[in-house]
């Protein structure tokens, strides 16, 4: 019997695989109808690599965005602590 955490991981992997399969089929159809219409075997061969690279690029961009957002939040936290310390110091001096 799987725990809730493991089941969630399995579900996430399943969703990612379904998305990857859908993307691969979409790219396969596009390649067969346009660029590689004369050679469908090549379309089948390249659609897997293209869909995998698209997914990896999307994950990279998402992680880059999260990393940039993490920096902004870090600066806001630092600013907040600094302002809190300054306010406490000024309140102590004014009293």
Protein backbone atom coordinates (compact mmCIF):
# COMPACT_ATOMS: atom_id res chain seq x y z
CA UNK A 1 0.00 0.00 0.00
CA UNK A 2 1.36 3.40 -1.05
CA UNK A 3 1.37 6.42 1.20
CA UNK A 4 -0.26 9.69 0.11
CA UNK A 5 3.09 11.27 -0.73
CA UNK A 6 4.17 8.38 -2.95
CA UNK A 7 0.76 8.25 -4.63
CA UNK A 8 0.99 11.97 -5.41
CA UNK A 9 4.42 11.44 -6.97
CA UNK A 10 3.09 8.56 -9.08
CA UNK A 11 0.14 10.70 -10.18
CA UNK A 12 2.41 13.60 -11.14
CA UNK A 13 4.68 11.31 -13.17
CA UNK A 14 1.62 9.84 -14.88
CA UNK A 15 0.33 13.30 -15.79
CA UNK A 16 3.74 14.33 -17.15
CA UNK A 17 3.93 11.16 -19.26
CA UNK A 18 0.43 11.76 -20.64
CA UNK A 19 1.34 15.35 -21.53
CA UNK A 20 4.56 14.16 -23.17
CA UNK A 21 2.68 11.51 -25.16
CA UNK A 22 0.05 14.03 -26.27
CA UNK A 23 2.75 16.50 -27.30
CA UNK A 24 4.63 13.80 -29.20
CA UNK A 25 1.48 12.80 -31.12
CA UNK A 26 0.72 16.44 -31.90
CA UNK A 27 4.25 17.05 -33.20
CA UNK A 28 4.14 13.78 -35.15
CA UNK A 29 0.97 14.87 -36.95
CA UNK A 30 2.43 18.32 -37.63
CA UNK A 31 5.67 16.88 -39.04
CA UNK A 32 3.81 14.34 -41.19
CA UNK A 33 1.58 17.05 -42.66
CA UNK A 34 4.29 19.64 -43.27
CA UNK A 35 8.05 19.21 -43.21
CA UNK A 36 8.45 15.44 -43.33
CA UNK A 37 5.32 14.48 -45.21
CA UNK A 38 7.30 12.51 -47.78
CA UNK A 39 9.06 10.45 -45.11
CA UNK A 40 6.77 9.58 -42.16
CA UNK A 41 9.41 7.33 -40.55
CA UNK A 42 11.59 10.39 -39.93
CA UNK A 43 8.61 12.21 -38.46
CA UNK A 44 8.11 9.35 -36.00
CA UNK A 45 11.81 9.31 -35.16
CA UNK A 46 12.14 13.04 -34.53
CA UNK A 47 8.80 13.71 -32.81
CA UNK A 48 9.92 11.99 -29.60
CA UNK A 49 13.12 14.00 -29.37
CA UNK A 50 11.35 17.27 -30.18
CA UNK A 51 8.62 16.72 -27.58
CA UNK A 52 11.17 15.75 -24.92
CA UNK A 53 13.24 18.86 -25.64
CA UNK A 54 10.13 21.06 -25.53
CA UNK A 55 9.19 19.63 -22.13
CA UNK A 56 12.73 20.08 -20.80
CA UNK A 57 12.81 23.67 -22.10
CA UNK A 58 9.49 24.43 -20.41
CA UNK A 59 10.77 22.99 -17.12
CA UNK A 60 13.98 25.00 -17.44
CA UNK A 61 12.05 28.22 -18.03
CA UNK A 62 9.75 27.45 -15.10
CA UNK A 63 12.71 26.79 -12.79
CA UNK A 64 14.42 29.98 -14.01
CA UNK A 65 11.27 31.94 -13.22
CA UNK A 66 11.00 30.36 -9.77
CA UNK A 67 14.68 31.10 -9.09
CA UNK A 68 14.23 34.74 -10.12
CA UNK A 69 11.10 34.97 -7.97
CA UNK A 70 13.02 33.44 -5.06
CA UNK A 71 15.62 36.21 -5.36
CA UNK A 72 12.95 38.92 -5.34
CA UNK A 73 11.27 37.40 -2.28
CA UNK A 74 14.67 37.16 -0.58
CA UNK A 75 15.31 40.85 -1.17
CA UNK A 76 11.84 41.73 0.14
CA UNK A 77 12.44 39.67 3.28
CA UNK A 78 15.82 41.33 3.79
CA UNK A 79 14.25 44.76 3.33
CA UNK A 80 11.44 43.86 5.74
CA UNK A 81 13.86 42.76 8.47
CA UNK A 82 15.95 45.87 7.94
CA UNK A 83 12.95 48.17 8.18
CA UNK A 84 11.68 46.32 11.25
CA UNK A 85 15.04 46.70 12.96
CA UNK A 86 15.19 50.38 12.05
CA UNK A 87 11.65 50.96 13.34
CA UNK A 88 12.47 49.21 16.61
CA UNK A 89 15.65 51.25 17.00
CA UNK A 90 13.87 54.55 16.29
CA UNK A 91 11.01 53.64 18.65
CA UNK A 92 13.52 52.82 21.41
CA UNK A 93 15.43 56.07 20.89
CA UNK A 94 12.24 58.15 20.79
CA UNK A 95 10.96 56.71 24.08
